[in-house]
């Protein structure tokens, strides 16, 4: 089950809870409340009417993040915790095992998720 604190905290970390459109991030576009990239949107099941539109719609983007993180958390040996979900969101399918996602987890924690 997706920890409910995360869909509240991610957009604070990613976009200050604003539909900020798209920005370049590590040589590709990241869009909306959760800074969703096109491959992430595809992996989450392509909800809504399109990638950029979904990313800027809070409900659709939240559905995408929940689908994506739940899909990959269930395919890893990572625990069912806020930390695992945050690190998968940030680092991809095996993000919960990558040390490079620890700083992102600390940002999420600083917004009240534990």
PDB file of N, CA and C in Angstrom:
ATOM      1  N   UNK A   1       0.845  -1.184   0.000  1.00  0.00           N
ATOM      2  CA  UNK A   1       0.000   0.000   0.000  1.00  0.00           C
ATOM      3  C   UNK A   1       0.885   1.239   0.000  1.00  0.00           C
ATOM      4  N   UNK A   2       0.585   2.170  -0.840  1.00  0.00           N
ATOM      5  CA  UNK A   2       1.341   3.408  -0.975  1.00  0.00           C
ATOM      6  C   UNK A   2       1.173   4.271   0.270  1.00  0.00           C
ATOM      7  N   UNK A   3       2.269   4.627   0.934  1.00  0.00           N
ATOM      8  CA  UNK A   3       2.156   5.462   2.135  1.00  0.00           C
ATOM      9  C   UNK A   3       1.539   6.821   1.806  1.00  0.00           C
ATOM     10  N   UNK A   4       0.435   7.193   2.441  1.00  0.00           N
ATOM     11  CA  UNK A   4      -0.274   8.420   2.075  1.00  0.00           C
ATOM     12  C   UNK A   4       0.532   9.688   2.268  1.00  0.00           C
ATOM     13  N   UNK A   5       1.513   9.685   3.141  1.00  0.00           N
ATOM     14  CA  UNK A   5       2.273  10.920   3.345  1.00  0.00           C
ATOM     15  C   UNK A   5       3.008  11.338   2.082  1.00  0.00           C
ATOM     16  N   UNK A   6       3.334  10.386   1.229  1.00  0.00           N
ATOM     17  CA  UNK A   6       4.165  10.716   0.086  1.00  0.00           C
ATOM     18  C   UNK A   6       3.454  11.541  -0.969  1.00  0.00           C
ATOM     19  N   UNK A   7       2.204  11.234  -1.274  1.00  0.00           N
ATOM     20  CA  UNK A   7       1.549  12.021  -2.315  1.00  0.00           C
ATOM     21  C   UNK A   7       1.280  13.435  -1.840  1.00  0.00           C
ATOM     22  N   UNK A   8       1.407  13.672  -0.543  1.00  0.00           N
ATOM     23  CA  UNK A   8       1.321  15.025  -0.010  1.00  0.00           C
ATOM     24  C   UNK A   8       2.692  15.690  -0.051  1.00  0.00           C
ATOM     25  N   UNK A   9       3.749  14.960   0.232  1.00  0.00           N
ATOM     26  CA  UNK A   9       5.093  15.538   0.366  1.00  0.00           C
ATOM     27  C   UNK A   9       5.842  15.685  -0.946  1.00  0.00           C
ATOM     28  N   UNK A  10       5.718  14.767  -1.885  1.00  0.00           N
ATOM     29  CA  UNK A  10       6.480  14.845  -3.131  1.00  0.00           C
ATOM     30  C   UNK A  10       6.308  16.179  -3.851  1.00  0.00           C
ATOM     31  N   UNK A  11       5.057  16.643  -4.048  1.00  0.00           N
ATOM     32  CA  UNK A  11       4.947  17.887  -4.803  1.00  0.00           C
ATOM     33  C   UNK A  11       5.558  19.082  -4.089  1.00  0.00           C
ATOM     34  N   UNK A  12       5.659  19.038  -2.778  1.00  0.00           N
ATOM     35  CA  UNK A  12       6.326  20.115  -2.053  1.00  0.00           C
ATOM     36  C   UNK A  12       7.808  20.104  -2.409  1.00  0.00           C
ATOM     37  N   UNK A  13       8.406  18.929  -2.436  1.00  0.00           N
ATOM     38  CA  UNK A  13       9.824  18.786  -2.762  1.00  0.00           C
ATOM     39  C   UNK A  13      10.067  19.111  -4.230  1.00  0.00           C
ATOM     40  N   UNK A  14       9.223  18.615  -5.111  1.00  0.00           N
ATOM     41  CA  UNK A  14       9.452  18.725  -6.555  1.00  0.00           C
ATOM     42  C   UNK A  14       9.077  20.084  -7.150  1.00  0.00           C
ATOM     43  N   UNK A  15       7.961  20.670  -6.713  1.00  0.00           N
ATOM     44  CA  UNK A  15       7.461  21.863  -7.404  1.00  0.00           C
ATOM     45  C   UNK A  15       6.856  22.917  -6.488  1.00  0.00           C
ATOM     46  N   UNK A  16       7.035  22.772  -5.195  1.00  0.00           N
ATOM     47  CA  UNK A  16       6.413  23.670  -4.232  1.00  0.00           C
ATOM     48  C   UNK A  16       4.889  23.673  -4.391  1.00  0.00           C
ATOM     49  N   UNK A  17       4.343  22.501  -4.746  1.00  0.00           N
ATOM     50  CA  UNK A  17       2.894  22.291  -4.904  1.00  0.00           C
ATOM     51  C   UNK A  17       2.274  23.144  -6.003  1.00  0.00           C
ATOM     52  N   UNK A  18       3.017  23.392  -7.065  1.00  0.00           N
ATOM     53  CA  UNK A  18       2.512  24.198  -8.172  1.00  0.00           C
ATOM     54  C   UNK A  18       2.611  23.419  -9.484  1.00  0.00           C
ATOM     55  N   UNK A  19       1.654  23.630 -10.394  1.00  0.00           N
ATOM     56  CA  UNK A  19       1.750  23.007 -11.720  1.00  0.00           C
ATOM     57  C   UNK A  19       2.746  23.804 -12.565  1.00  0.00           C
ATOM     58  N   UNK A  20       4.008  23.500 -12.442  1.00  0.00           N
ATOM     59  CA  UNK A  20       5.073  24.353 -12.977  1.00  0.00           C
ATOM     60  C   UNK A  20       5.429  24.094 -14.443  1.00  0.00           C
ATOM     61  N   UNK A  21       4.672  23.264 -15.129  1.00  0.00           N
ATOM     62  CA  UNK A  21       5.008  22.971 -16.515  1.00  0.00           C
ATOM     63  C   UNK A  21       6.248  22.092 -16.582  1.00  0.00           C
ATOM     64  N   UNK A  22       6.995  22.228 -17.675  1.00  0.00           N
ATOM     65  CA  UNK A  22       8.157  21.370 -17.902  1.00  0.00           C
ATOM     66  C   UNK A  22       9.458  22.150 -17.786  1.00  0.00           C
ATOM     67  N   UNK A  23      10.466  21.466 -17.297  1.00  0.00           N
ATOM     68  CA  UNK A  23      11.810  22.025 -17.154  1.00  0.00           C
ATOM     69  C   UNK A  23      12.827  20.964 -17.536  1.00  0.00           C
ATOM     70  N   UNK A  24      13.952  21.420 -18.060  1.00  0.00           N
ATOM     71  CA  UNK A  24      15.035  20.482 -18.377  1.00  0.00           C
ATOM     72  C   UNK A  24      15.657  19.979 -17.078  1.00  0.00           C
ATOM     73  N   UNK A  25      15.855  18.673 -17.002  1.00  0.00           N
ATOM     74  CA  UNK A  25      16.442  18.043 -15.822  1.00  0.00           C
ATOM     75  C   UNK A  25      17.248  16.843 -16.283  1.00  0.00           C
ATOM     76  N   UNK A  26      18.543  16.888 -16.120  1.00  0.00           N
ATOM     77  CA  UNK A  26      19.437  15.811 -16.541  1.00  0.00           C
ATOM     78  C   UNK A  26      19.165  15.452 -18.011  1.00  0.00           C
ATOM     79  N   UNK A  27      19.174  16.433 -18.866  1.00  0.00           N
ATOM     80  CA  UNK A  27      19.048  16.331 -20.324  1.00  0.00           C
ATOM     81  C   UNK A  27      17.708  15.806 -20.844  1.00  0.00           C
ATOM     82  N   UNK A  28      16.650  15.854 -20.027  1.00  0.00           N
ATOM     83  CA  UNK A  28      15.313  15.531 -20.531  1.00  0.00           C
ATOM     84  C   UNK A  28      14.286  16.350 -19.753  1.00  0.00           C
ATOM     85  N   UNK A  29      13.109  16.489 -20.333  1.00  0.00           N
ATOM     86  CA  UNK A  29      12.063  17.278 -19.687  1.00  0.00           C
ATOM     87  C   UNK A  29      11.443  16.555 -18.497  1.00  0.00           C
ATOM     88  N   UNK A  30      11.228  17.284 -17.434  1.00  0.00           N
ATOM     89  CA  UNK A  30      10.477  16.828 -16.266  1.00  0.00           C
ATOM     90  C   UNK A  30       9.331  17.811 -16.097  1.00  0.00           C
ATOM     91  N   UNK A  31       8.121  17.274 -15.871  1.00  0.00           N
ATOM     92  CA  UNK A  31       6.944  18.140 -15.917  1.00  0.00           C
ATOM     93  C   UNK A  31       6.059  18.031 -14.683  1.00  0.00           C
ATOM     94  N   UNK A  32       5.443  19.148 -14.343  1.00  0.00           N
ATOM     95  CA  UNK A  32       4.355  19.202 -13.391  1.00  0.00           C
ATOM     96  C   UNK A  32       4.707  19.090 -11.930  1.00  0.00           C
ATOM     97  N   UNK A  33       3.655  18.785 -11.159  1.00  0.00           N
ATOM     98  CA  UNK A  33       3.741  18.725  -9.703  1.00  0.00           C
ATOM     99  C   UNK A  33       4.857  17.825  -9.194  1.00  0.00           C
ATOM    100  N   UNK A  34       5.044  16.668  -9.853  1.00  0.00           N
ATOM    101  CA  UNK A  34       6.015  15.673  -9.387  1.00  0.00           C
ATOM    102  C   UNK A  34       7.247  15.587 -10.280  1.00  0.00           C
ATOM    103  N   UNK A  35       7.351  16.501 -11.254  1.00  0.00           N
ATOM    104  CA  UNK A  35       8.456  16.488 -12.209  1.00  0.00           C
ATOM    105  C   UNK A  35       8.576  15.126 -12.889  1.00  0.00           C
ATOM    106  N   UNK A  36       7.500  14.751 -13.562  1.00  0.00           N
ATOM    107  CA  UNK A  36       7.380  13.455 -14.238  1.00  0.00           C
ATOM    108  C   UNK A  36       7.997  13.522 -15.628  1.00  0.00           C
ATOM    109  N   UNK A  37       8.841  12.561 -15.929  1.00  0.00           N
ATOM    110  CA  UNK A  37       9.439  12.430 -17.261  1.00  0.00           C
ATOM    111  C   UNK A  37       8.556  11.518 -18.119  1.00  0.00           C
ATOM    112  N   UNK A  38       8.684  11.605 -19.433  1.00  0.00           N
ATOM    113  CA  UNK A  38       7.869  10.802 -20.350  1.00  0.00           C
ATOM    114  C   UNK A  38       7.979   9.299 -20.079  1.00  0.00           C
ATOM    115  N   UNK A  39       9.185   8.721 -19.918  1.00  0.00           N
ATOM    116  CA  UNK A  39       9.239   7.277 -19.647  1.00  0.00           C
ATOM    117  C   UNK A  39       8.553   6.889 -18.335  1.00  0.00           C
ATOM    118  N   UNK A  40       8.618   7.746 -17.337  1.00  0.00           N
ATOM    119  CA  UNK A  40       7.949   7.502 -16.049  1.00  0.00           C
ATOM    120  C   UNK A  40       6.440   7.454 -16.273  1.00  0.00           C
ATOM    121  N   UNK A  41       5.917   8.433 -17.029  1.00  0.00           N
ATOM    122  CA  UNK A  41       4.484   8.478 -17.320  1.00  0.00           C
ATOM    123  C   UNK A  41       4.046   7.220 -18.081  1.00  0.00           C
ATOM    124  N   UNK A  42       4.869   6.771 -19.011  1.00  0.00           N
ATOM    125  CA  UNK A  42       4.568   5.544 -19.749  1.00  0.00           C
ATOM    126  C   UNK A  42       4.529   4.357 -18.786  1.00  0.00           C
ATOM    127  N   UNK A  43       5.522   4.256 -17.911  1.00  0.00           N
ATOM    128  CA  UNK A  43       5.577   3.162 -16.939  1.00  0.00           C
ATOM    129  C   UNK A  43       4.428   3.183 -15.941  1.00  0.00           C
ATOM    130  N   UNK A  44       3.888   4.349 -15.658  1.00  0.00           N
ATOM    131  CA  UNK A  44       2.806   4.436 -14.670  1.00  0.00           C
ATOM    132  C   UNK A  44       1.447   4.097 -15.274  1.00  0.00           C
ATOM    133  N   UNK A  45       1.422   3.799 -16.562  1.00  0.00           N
ATOM    134  CA  UNK A  45       0.175   3.382 -17.199  1.00  0.00           C
ATOM    135  C   UNK A  45      -0.463   4.427 -18.097  1.00  0.00           C
ATOM    136  N   UNK A  46       0.213   5.536 -18.340  1.00  0.00           N
ATOM    137  CA  UNK A  46      -0.261   6.594 -19.240  1.00  0.00           C
ATOM    138  C   UNK A  46      -1.645   7.140 -18.858  1.00  0.00           C
ATOM    139  N   UNK A  47      -1.837   7.513 -17.585  1.00  0.00           N
ATOM    140  CA  UNK A  47      -3.152   8.044 -17.209  1.00  0.00           C
ATOM    141  C   UNK A  47      -3.414   9.410 -17.841  1.00  0.00           C
ATOM    142  N   UNK A  48      -4.677   9.780 -17.894  1.00  0.00           N
ATOM    143  CA  UNK A  48      -5.045  11.093 -18.417  1.00  0.00           C
ATOM    144  C   UNK A  48      -5.020  11.148 -19.922  1.00  0.00           C
ATOM    145  N   UNK A  49      -4.959  12.371 -20.446  1.00  0.00           N
ATOM    146  CA  UNK A  49      -5.036  12.584 -21.892  1.00  0.00           C
ATOM    147  C   UNK A  49      -3.679  12.741 -22.548  1.00  0.00           C
ATOM    148  N   UNK A  50      -2.636  12.875 -21.747  1.00  0.00           N
ATOM    149  CA  UNK A  50      -1.283  13.013 -22.275  1.00  0.00           C
ATOM    150  C   UNK A  50      -0.311  13.259 -21.142  1.00  0.00           C
ATOM    151  N   UNK A  51       0.967  13.075 -21.431  1.00  0.00           N
ATOM    152  CA  UNK A  51       2.005  13.185 -20.409  1.00  0.00           C
ATOM    153  C   UNK A  51       2.043  14.560 -19.741  1.00  0.00           C
ATOM    154  N   UNK A  52       2.198  15.613 -20.515  1.00  0.00           N
ATOM    155  CA  UNK A  52       2.335  16.952 -19.942  1.00  0.00           C
ATOM    156  C   UNK A  52       1.053  17.399 -19.258  1.00  0.00           C
ATOM    157  N   UNK A  53      -0.085  17.065 -19.855  1.00  0.00           N
ATOM    158  CA  UNK A  53      -1.373  17.426 -19.257  1.00  0.00           C
ATOM    159  C   UNK A  53      -1.560  16.712 -17.928  1.00  0.00           C
ATOM    160  N   UNK A  54      -1.228  15.429 -17.889  1.00  0.00           N
ATOM    161  CA  UNK A  54      -1.339  14.657 -16.652  1.00  0.00           C
ATOM    162  C   UNK A  54      -0.399  15.218 -15.590  1.00  0.00           C
ATOM    163  N   UNK A  55       0.818  15.511 -15.971  1.00  0.00           N
ATOM    164  CA  UNK A  55       1.810  16.005 -15.010  1.00  0.00           C
ATOM    165  C   UNK A  55       1.370  17.307 -14.344  1.00  0.00           C
ATOM    166  N   UNK A  56       0.617  18.145 -15.069  1.00  0.00           N
ATOM    167  CA  UNK A  56       0.156  19.420 -14.523  1.00  0.00           C
ATOM    168  C   UNK A  56      -1.230  19.334 -13.889  1.00  0.00           C
ATOM    169  N   UNK A  57      -1.811  18.144 -13.850  1.00  0.00           N
ATOM    170  CA  UNK A  57      -3.088  17.926 -13.170  1.00  0.00           C
ATOM    171  C   UNK A  57      -2.784  17.131 -11.896  1.00  0.00           C
ATOM    172  N   UNK A  58      -3.023  17.730 -10.746  1.00  0.00           N
ATOM    173  CA  UNK A  58      -2.593  17.105  -9.485  1.00  0.00           C
ATOM    174  C   UNK A  58      -3.154  15.696  -9.305  1.00  0.00           C
ATOM    175  N   UNK A  59      -4.419  15.500  -9.584  1.00  0.00           N
ATOM    176  CA  UNK A  59      -5.037  14.183  -9.401  1.00  0.00           C
ATOM    177  C   UNK A  59      -4.422  13.143 -10.332  1.00  0.00           C
ATOM    178  N   UNK A  60      -4.270  13.491 -11.584  1.00  0.00           N
ATOM    179  CA  UNK A  60      -3.693  12.566 -12.566  1.00  0.00           C
ATOM    180  C   UNK A  60      -2.233  12.269 -12.234  1.00  0.00           C
ATOM    181  N   UNK A  61      -1.480  13.299 -11.893  1.00  0.00           N
ATOM    182  CA  UNK A  61      -0.065  13.115 -11.570  1.00  0.00           C
ATOM    183  C   UNK A  61       0.103  12.252 -10.319  1.00  0.00           C
ATOM    184  N   UNK A  62      -0.769  12.439  -9.334  1.00  0.00           N
ATOM    185  CA  UNK A  62      -0.710  11.626  -8.123  1.00  0.00           C
ATOM    186  C   UNK A  62      -0.991  10.166  -8.448  1.00  0.00           C
ATOM    187  N   UNK A  63      -1.979   9.927  -9.296  1.00  0.00           N
ATOM    188  CA  UNK A  63      -2.275   8.565  -9.745  1.00  0.00           C
ATOM    189  C   UNK A  63      -1.055   7.948 -10.414  1.00  0.00           C
ATOM    190  N   UNK A  64      -0.389   8.720 -11.245  1.00  0.00           N
ATOM    191  CA  UNK A  64       0.802   8.231 -11.946  1.00  0.00           C
ATOM    192  C   UNK A  64       1.898   7.844 -10.951  1.00  0.00           C
ATOM    193  N   UNK A  65       2.172   8.699  -9.981  1.00  0.00           N
ATOM    194  CA  UNK A  65       3.217   8.418  -8.998  1.00  0.00           C
ATOM    195  C   UNK A  65       2.866   7.186  -8.165  1.00  0.00           C
ATOM    196  N   UNK A  66       1.618   7.091  -7.753  1.00  0.00           N
ATOM    197  CA  UNK A  66       1.186   5.921  -6.974  1.00  0.00           C
ATOM    198  C   UNK A  66       1.364   4.646  -7.799  1.00  0.00           C
ATOM    199  N   UNK A  67       0.909   4.669  -9.059  1.00  0.00           N
ATOM    200  CA  UNK A  67       1.039   3.492  -9.924  1.00  0.00           C
ATOM    201  C   UNK A  67       2.499   3.098 -10.127  1.00  0.00           C
ATOM    202  N   UNK A  68       3.325   4.079 -10.423  1.00  0.00           N
ATOM    203  CA  UNK A  68       4.736   3.821 -10.720  1.00  0.00           C
ATOM    204  C   UNK A  68       5.469   3.254  -9.505  1.00  0.00           C
ATOM    205  N   UNK A  69       5.345   3.933  -8.376  1.00  0.00           N
ATOM    206  CA  UNK A  69       6.107   3.499  -7.206  1.00  0.00           C
ATOM    207  C   UNK A  69       5.600   2.166  -6.667  1.00  0.00           C
ATOM    208  N   UNK A  70       4.297   1.944  -6.727  1.00  0.00           N
ATOM    209  CA  UNK A  70       3.759   0.654  -6.263  1.00  0.00           C
ATOM    210  C   UNK A  70       4.216  -0.483  -7.186  1.00  0.00           C
ATOM    211  N   UNK A  71       4.231  -0.221  -8.477  1.00  0.00           N
ATOM    212  CA  UNK A  71       4.666  -1.228  -9.452  1.00  0.00           C
ATOM    213  C   UNK A  71       6.093  -1.684  -9.172  1.00  0.00           C
ATOM    214  N   UNK A  72       6.985  -0.737  -8.975  1.00  0.00           N
ATOM    215  CA  UNK A  72       8.384  -1.098  -8.806  1.00  0.00           C
ATOM    216  C   UNK A  72       8.733  -1.509  -7.376  1.00  0.00           C
ATOM    217  N   UNK A  73       8.033  -1.004  -6.387  1.00  0.00           N
ATOM    218  CA  UNK A  73       8.293  -1.441  -5.014  1.00  0.00           C
ATOM    219  C   UNK A  73       7.980  -2.925  -4.890  1.00  0.00           C
ATOM    220  N   UNK A  74       6.929  -3.371  -5.554  1.00  0.00           N
ATOM    221  CA  UNK A  74       6.541  -4.781  -5.472  1.00  0.00           C
ATOM    222  C   UNK A  74       7.523  -5.706  -6.199  1.00  0.00           C
ATOM    223  N   UNK A  75       8.390  -5.145  -7.034  1.00  0.00           N
ATOM    224  CA  UNK A  75       9.356  -5.952  -7.782  1.00  0.00           C
ATOM    225  C   UNK A  75      10.750  -5.925  -7.161  1.00  0.00           C
ATOM    226  N   UNK A  76      10.875  -5.296  -5.994  1.00  0.00           N
ATOM    227  CA  UNK A  76      12.169  -5.230  -5.322  1.00  0.00           C
ATOM    228  C   UNK A  76      12.052  -5.883  -3.950  1.00  0.00           C
ATOM    229  N   UNK A  77      13.178  -5.998  -3.302  1.00  0.00           N
ATOM    230  CA  UNK A  77      13.170  -6.517  -1.931  1.00  0.00           C
ATOM    231  C   UNK A  77      13.140  -5.370  -0.919  1.00  0.00           C
ATOM    232  N   UNK A  78      12.900  -4.168  -1.378  1.00  0.00           N
ATOM    233  CA  UNK A  78      12.865  -3.010  -0.486  1.00  0.00           C
ATOM    234  C   UNK A  78      11.609  -3.045   0.370  1.00  0.00           C
ATOM    235  N   UNK A  79      11.703  -2.568   1.595  1.00  0.00           N
ATOM    236  CA  UNK A  79      10.537  -2.598   2.489  1.00  0.00           C
ATOM    237  C   UNK A  79       9.421  -1.671   2.019  1.00  0.00           C
ATOM    238  N   UNK A  80       8.243  -1.931   2.494  1.00  0.00           N
ATOM    239  CA  UNK A  80       7.056  -1.129   2.149  1.00  0.00           C
ATOM    240  C   UNK A  80       7.015   0.097   3.073  1.00  0.00           C
ATOM    241  N   UNK A  81       7.905   1.058   2.777  1.00  0.00           N
ATOM    242  CA  UNK A  81       8.039   2.240   3.624  1.00  0.00           C
ATOM    243  C   UNK A  81       8.016   3.511   2.795  1.00  0.00           C
ATOM    244  N   UNK A  82       7.796   4.629   3.459  1.00  0.00           N
ATOM    245  CA  UNK A  82       7.868   5.926   2.780  1.00  0.00           C
ATOM    246  C   UNK A  82       9.225   6.106   2.102  1.00  0.00           C
ATOM    247  N   UNK A  83      10.276   5.690   2.776  1.00  0.00           N
ATOM    248  CA  UNK A  83      11.611   5.843   2.209  1.00  0.00           C
ATOM    249  C   UNK A  83      11.752   5.091   0.890  1.00  0.00           C
ATOM    250  N   UNK A  84      11.301   3.853   0.838  1.00  0.00           N
ATOM    251  CA  UNK A  84      11.411   3.075  -0.407  1.00  0.00           C
ATOM    252  C   UNK A  84      10.654   3.750  -1.546  1.00  0.00           C
ATOM    253  N   UNK A  85       9.431   4.186  -1.283  1.00  0.00           N
ATOM    254  CA  UNK A  85       8.628   4.825  -2.325  1.00  0.00           C
ATOM    255  C   UNK A  85       9.269   6.122  -2.799  1.00  0.00           C
ATOM    256  N   UNK A  86       9.763   6.931  -1.879  1.00  0.00           N
ATOM    257  CA  UNK A  86      10.399   8.190  -2.258  1.00  0.00           C
ATOM    258  C   UNK A  86      11.627   7.944  -3.123  1.00  0.00           C
ATOM    259  N   UNK A  87      12.423   6.977  -2.730  1.00  0.00           N
ATOM    260  CA  UNK A  87      13.659   6.709  -3.460  1.00  0.00           C
ATOM    261  C   UNK A  87      13.390   6.075  -4.823  1.00  0.00           C
ATOM    262  N   UNK A  88      12.327   5.279  -4.961  1.00  0.00           N
ATOM    263  CA  UNK A  88      11.932   4.748  -6.276  1.00  0.00           C
ATOM    264  C   UNK A  88      11.446   5.886  -7.159  1.00  0.00           C
ATOM    265  N   UNK A  89      10.632   6.771  -6.606  1.00  0.00           N
ATOM    266  CA  UNK A  89      10.157   7.934  -7.378  1.00  0.00           C
ATOM    267  C   UNK A  89      11.345   8.720  -7.924  1.00  0.00           C
ATOM    268  N   UNK A  90      12.340   8.922  -7.122  1.00  0.00           N
ATOM    269  CA  UNK A  90      13.493   9.723  -7.508  1.00  0.00           C
ATOM    270  C   UNK A  90      14.486   8.977  -8.392  1.00  0.00           C
ATOM    271  N   UNK A  91      14.719   7.696  -8.121  1.00  0.00           N
ATOM    272  CA  UNK A  91      15.813   6.981  -8.781  1.00  0.00           C
ATOM    273  C   UNK A  91      15.425   5.866  -9.714  1.00  0.00           C
ATOM    274  N   UNK A  92      14.128   5.721  -9.990  1.00  0.00           N
ATOM    275  CA  UNK A  92      13.713   4.695 -10.927  1.00  0.00           C
ATOM    276  C   UNK A  92      13.428   3.355 -10.264  1.00  0.00           C
ATOM    277  N   UNK A  93      13.230   2.327 -11.082  1.00  0.00           N
ATOM    278  CA  UNK A  93      12.793   1.022 -10.594  1.00  0.00           C
ATOM    279  C   UNK A  93      13.591   0.445  -9.427  1.00  0.00           C
ATOM    280  N   UNK A  94      14.876   0.691  -9.382  1.00  0.00           N
ATOM    281  CA  UNK A  94      15.698   0.172  -8.284  1.00  0.00           C
ATOM    282  C   UNK A  94      16.231   1.303  -7.412  1.00  0.00           C
ATOM    283  N   UNK A  95      15.550   2.441  -7.446  1.00  0.00           N
ATOM    284  CA  UNK A  95      15.997   3.619  -6.711  1.00  0.00           C
ATOM    285  C   UNK A  95      16.127   3.416  -5.219  1.00  0.00           C
ATOM    286  N   UNK A  96      15.324   2.506  -4.672  1.00  0.00           N
ATOM    287  CA  UNK A  96      15.388   2.272  -3.223  1.00  0.00           C
ATOM    288  C   UNK A  96      16.687   1.594  -2.813  1.00  0.00           C
ATOM    289  N   UNK A  97      17.463   1.123  -3.796  1.00  0.00           N
ATOM    290  CA  UNK A  97      18.733   0.466  -3.489  1.00  0.00           C
ATOM    291  C   UNK A  97      19.938   1.321  -3.880  1.00  0.00           C
ATOM    292  N   UNK A  98      19.686   2.499  -4.437  1.00  0.00           N
ATOM    293  CA  UNK A  98      20.770   3.363  -4.909  1.00  0.00           C
ATOM    294  C   UNK A  98      21.124   4.415  -3.858  1.00  0.00           C
ATOM    295  N   UNK A  99      22.385   4.515  -3.548  1.00  0.00           N
ATOM    296  CA  UNK A  99      22.814   5.525  -2.572  1.00  0.00           C
ATOM    297  C   UNK A  99      22.571   6.941  -3.091  1.00  0.00           C
ATOM    298  N   UNK A 100      22.504   7.111  -4.407  1.00  0.00           N
ATOM    299  CA  UNK A 100      22.289   8.445  -4.984  1.00  0.00           C
ATOM    300  C   UNK A 100      20.907   9.017  -4.668  1.00  0.00           C
ATOM    301  N   UNK A 101      19.979   8.183  -4.187  1.00  0.00           N
ATOM    302  CA  UNK A 101      18.636   8.674  -3.871  1.00  0.00           C
ATOM    303  C   UNK A 101      18.464   9.058  -2.399  1.00  0.00           C
ATOM    304  N   UNK A 102      19.482   8.839  -1.607  1.00  0.00           N
ATOM    305  CA  UNK A 102      19.395   9.167  -0.178  1.00  0.00           C
ATOM    306  C   UNK A 102      19.198  10.674   0.041  1.00  0.00           C
ATOM    307  N   UNK A 103      19.913  11.554  -0.676  1.00  0.00           N
ATOM    308  CA  UNK A 103      19.661  12.987  -0.473  1.00  0.00           C
ATOM    309  C   UNK A 103      18.203  13.388  -0.783  1.00  0.00           C
ATOM    310  N   UNK A 104      17.608  12.780  -1.802  1.00  0.00           N
ATOM    311  CA  UNK A 104      16.198  13.071  -2.094  1.00  0.00           C
ATOM    312  C   UNK A 104      15.326  12.626  -0.924  1.00  0.00           C
ATOM    313  N   UNK A 105      15.578  11.450  -0.377  1.00  0.00           N
ATOM    314  CA  UNK A 105      14.818  10.972   0.773  1.00  0.00           C
ATOM    315  C   UNK A 105      14.936  11.962   1.930  1.00  0.00           C
ATOM    316  N   UNK A 106      16.113  12.506   2.141  1.00  0.00           N
ATOM    317  CA  UNK A 106      16.289  13.479   3.223  1.00  0.00           C
ATOM    318  C   UNK A 106      15.456  14.739   2.969  1.00  0.00           C
ATOM    319  N   UNK A 107      15.318  15.162   1.705  1.00  0.00           N
ATOM    320  CA  UNK A 107      14.456  16.298   1.379  1.00  0.00           C
ATOM    321  C   UNK A 107      13.002  15.985   1.715  1.00  0.00           C
ATOM    322  N   UNK A 108      12.562  14.774   1.361  1.00  0.00           N
ATOM    323  CA  UNK A 108      11.178  14.355   1.665  1.00  0.00           C
ATOM    324  C   UNK A 108      10.972  14.320   3.183  1.00  0.00           C
ATOM    325  N   UNK A 109      11.937  13.767   3.891  1.00  0.00           N
ATOM    326  CA  UNK A 109      11.846  13.730   5.357  1.00  0.00           C
ATOM    327  C   UNK A 109      11.737  15.131   5.946  1.00  0.00           C
ATOM    328  N   UNK A 110      12.458  16.063   5.376  1.00  0.00           N
ATOM    329  CA  UNK A 110      12.458  17.429   5.906  1.00  0.00           C
ATOM    330  C   UNK A 110      11.097  18.099   5.735  1.00  0.00           C
ATOM    331  N   UNK A 111      10.257  17.534   4.876  1.00  0.00           N
ATOM    332  CA  UNK A 111       8.911  18.065   4.662  1.00  0.00           C
ATOM    333  C   UNK A 111       7.877  17.332   5.512  1.00  0.00           C
ATOM    334  N   UNK A 112       8.337  16.443   6.385  1.00  0.00           N
ATOM    335  CA  UNK A 112       7.447  15.814   7.348  1.00  0.00           C
ATOM    336  C   UNK A 112       7.112  14.364   7.108  1.00  0.00           C
ATOM    337  N   UNK A 113       7.743  13.721   6.142  1.00  0.00           N
ATOM    338  CA  UNK A 113       7.468  12.306   5.898  1.00  0.00           C
ATOM    339  C   UNK A 113       8.536  11.475   6.598  1.00  0.00           C
ATOM    340  N   UNK A 114       8.105  10.402   7.238  1.00  0.00           N
ATOM    341  CA  UNK A 114       9.096   9.562   7.920  1.00  0.00           C
ATOM    342  C   UNK A 114       8.819   8.097   7.688  1.00  0.00           C
TER     343      UNK A 114
END
